[in-house]
Protein backbone atom coordinates (compact mmCIF):
# COMPACT_ATOMS: atom_id res chain seq x y z
CA UNK A 1 81.20 115.80 155.77
CA UNK A 2 78.83 115.28 152.77
CA UNK A 3 79.77 112.73 150.14
CA UNK A 4 78.23 113.35 146.75
CA UNK A 5 77.73 111.30 143.65
CA UNK A 6 78.75 113.79 140.96
CA UNK A 7 77.37 111.72 138.07
CA UNK A 8 73.97 111.61 139.61
CA UNK A 9 74.24 115.05 141.21
CA UNK A 10 73.06 113.75 144.54
CA UNK A 11 74.13 113.45 148.08
CA UNK A 12 75.08 109.82 148.87
CA UNK A 13 75.79 109.96 152.63
CA UNK A 14 77.02 112.16 155.52
CA UNK A 15 79.84 111.42 157.84
CA UNK A 16 79.30 113.05 161.34
CA UNK A 17 82.09 113.55 163.83
CA UNK A 18 83.87 116.98 163.73
CA UNK A 19 82.57 119.71 165.91
CA UNK A 20 84.22 122.70 164.20
CA UNK A 21 85.41 123.92 160.89
CA UNK A 22 86.90 121.15 158.65
CA UNK A 23 90.09 122.46 157.03
CA UNK A 24 90.99 119.67 154.63
CA UNK A 25 89.71 116.44 153.11
CA UNK A 26 92.03 113.85 151.29
CA UNK A 27 90.97 110.62 149.61
CA UNK A 28 93.38 107.70 149.51
CA UNK A 29 94.61 106.63 145.95
CA UNK A 30 92.43 103.51 146.04
CA UNK A 31 89.37 105.71 147.10
CA UNK A 32 88.71 103.58 150.11
CA UNK A 33 89.78 105.99 152.82
CA UNK A 34 88.95 109.61 153.55
CA UNK A 35 90.90 111.70 156.07
CA UNK A 36 89.71 114.92 157.46
CA UNK A 37 91.31 117.51 159.66
CA UNK A 38 89.62 120.30 161.62
CA UNK A 39 89.82 123.28 163.87
CA UNK A 40 88.46 120.96 166.57
CA UNK A 41 92.03 119.56 166.74
CA UNK A 42 90.97 116.07 165.47
CA UNK A 43 92.13 114.06 162.41
CA UNK A 44 89.62 111.42 161.47
CA UNK A 45 89.97 108.45 159.01
CA UNK A 46 86.77 107.30 157.38
CA UNK A 47 86.05 103.99 155.50
CA UNK A 48 84.20 105.20 152.39
CA UNK A 49 82.90 101.70 151.62
CA UNK A 50 81.35 101.04 155.06
CA UNK A 51 80.66 104.82 155.69
CA UNK A 52 82.19 104.45 159.18
CA UNK A 53 84.76 106.20 161.26
CA UNK A 54 87.93 104.01 161.49
CA UNK A 55 90.21 106.18 163.64
CA UNK A 56 90.36 109.50 165.36
CA UNK A 57 93.70 111.16 166.29
CA UNK A 58 93.62 114.07 168.75
CA UNK A 59 96.11 116.87 168.69
CA UNK A 60 97.03 119.81 170.92
CA UNK A 61 95.90 122.45 168.39
CA UNK A 62 93.88 122.84 165.21
CA UNK A 63 94.98 120.78 162.35
CA UNK A 64 95.03 122.75 158.97
CA UNK A 65 96.31 120.27 156.48
CA UNK A 66 97.01 116.61 155.81
CA UNK A 67 98.17 114.48 152.90
CA UNK A 68 98.61 110.81 152.29
CA UNK A 69 102.07 109.52 151.84
CA UNK A 70 104.14 106.44 151.15
CA UNK A 71 101.54 104.82 148.96
CA UNK A 72 98.67 105.63 151.38
CA UNK A 73 100.42 103.88 154.30
CA UNK A 74 101.09 107.17 156.09
CA UNK A 75 99.27 110.38 156.86
CA UNK A 76 101.24 113.56 157.25
CA UNK A 77 99.66 116.47 159.09
CA UNK A 78 100.40 120.13 159.81
CA UNK A 79 98.96 122.28 162.46
CA UNK A 80 98.72 125.59 164.13
CA UNK A 81 101.39 124.88 166.67
CA UNK A 82 104.32 124.39 164.10
CA UNK A 83 104.93 120.66 163.95
CA UNK A 84 104.70 117.90 161.35
CA UNK A 85 103.31 114.56 162.36
CA UNK A 86 103.42 111.28 160.56
CA UNK A 87 101.21 108.43 161.43
CA UNK A 88 99.67 105.19 160.26
CA UNK A 89 95.98 105.67 159.38
CA UNK A 90 95.08 102.03 159.96
CA UNK A 91 96.86 101.21 163.20
CA UNK A 92 96.60 104.81 164.75
CA UNK A 93 100.17 104.75 165.62
CA UNK A 94 102.19 107.92 165.38
CA UNK A 95 105.61 107.40 163.68
CA UNK A 96 107.12 110.69 164.71
CA UNK A 97 106.66 114.40 165.42
CA UNK A 98 109.09 116.80 163.86
CA UNK A 99 111.22 118.51 166.54
CA UNK A 100 111.76 121.58 164.28
CA UNK A 101 109.35 124.55 164.70
CA UNK A 102 108.16 125.92 161.38
CA UNK A 103 105.32 128.16 162.27
CA UNK A 104 101.74 127.50 161.40
CA UNK A 105 101.60 124.97 158.52
CA UNK A 106 98.66 125.58 156.15
CA UNK A 107 99.33 123.22 153.27
CA UNK A 108 101.13 119.81 152.79
CA UNK A 109 101.40 117.84 149.49
CA UNK A 110 103.14 114.65 148.55
CA UNK A 111 105.35 115.62 145.56
CA UNK A 112 106.88 112.17 144.36
CA UNK A 113 105.34 108.92 143.24
CA UNK A 114 106.58 106.79 146.14
CA UNK A 115 105.14 109.52 148.53
CA UNK A 116 108.42 109.93 150.36
CA UNK A 117 108.87 113.73 149.87
CA UNK A 118 106.31 116.13 151.19
CA UNK A 119 106.25 119.79 150.47
CA UNK A 120 104.78 122.09 153.11
CA UNK A 121 104.20 125.86 153.57
CA UNK A 122 102.48 128.19 155.92
CA UNK A 123 102.44 131.43 157.69
CA UNK A 124 106.12 132.24 157.24
CA UNK A 125 105.86 132.01 153.39
CA UNK A 126 108.71 129.48 153.06
CA UNK A 127 108.04 126.22 151.15
CA UNK A 128 109.98 123.33 152.52
CA UNK A 129 110.40 119.80 151.39
CA UNK A 130 110.44 117.03 154.09
CA UNK A 131 111.91 113.52 153.50
CA UNK A 132 109.83 110.96 155.25
CA UNK A 133 112.51 108.28 155.06
CA UNK A 134 115.17 110.39 156.62
CA UNK A 135 112.72 112.13 158.90
CA UNK A 136 114.46 115.39 158.07
CA UNK A 137 114.24 118.50 155.97
CA UNK A 138 115.46 117.78 152.45
CA UNK A 139 115.54 121.45 151.01
CA UNK A 140 113.87 124.76 151.05
CA UNK A 141 112.24 126.04 147.83
CA UNK A 142 112.37 129.88 148.75
CA UNK A 143 110.43 132.41 150.63
CA UNK A 144 107.39 134.45 149.72
CA UNK A 145 106.68 137.89 151.06
CA UNK A 146 103.31 136.63 152.68
CA UNK A 147 101.89 133.53 153.98
CA UNK A 148 101.38 130.52 151.62
CA UNK A 149 97.98 129.14 152.09
CA UNK A 150 97.89 126.28 149.66
CA UNK A 151 100.23 124.09 147.52
CA UNK A 152 99.37 122.12 144.29
CA UNK A 153 101.48 119.44 142.63
């Protein structure tokens, strides 16, 4: 992962750790943490101030997407095996894994200020909204005729 200074148009530093394609990067709201997920099945949490790896979370399959939630106290991930996982980036503890099977999840985005609702979509073309407090599906926004590769809020 290369971190650039856009004002100076120069490479600041490189974070090494993934061994395969990196699918997504997300920076915390305070710009102190960077999370990455990869085809190599690993989610990594980096401290941007110290330029060091804080945590690594292994998975059973490639991780396509992630988002910070609940005011940066949680990370929500989606993978190629169909589950949503919620975990604490600082303690490396997993809060829960969804029991529901959704198909491959390609994109996750926090959609409210407190970060309690997360929209996700993927191969099946359905956009769903997950409630982190209830640990359950809140509602479905509808289906597309093809896969949904990314969401934006």
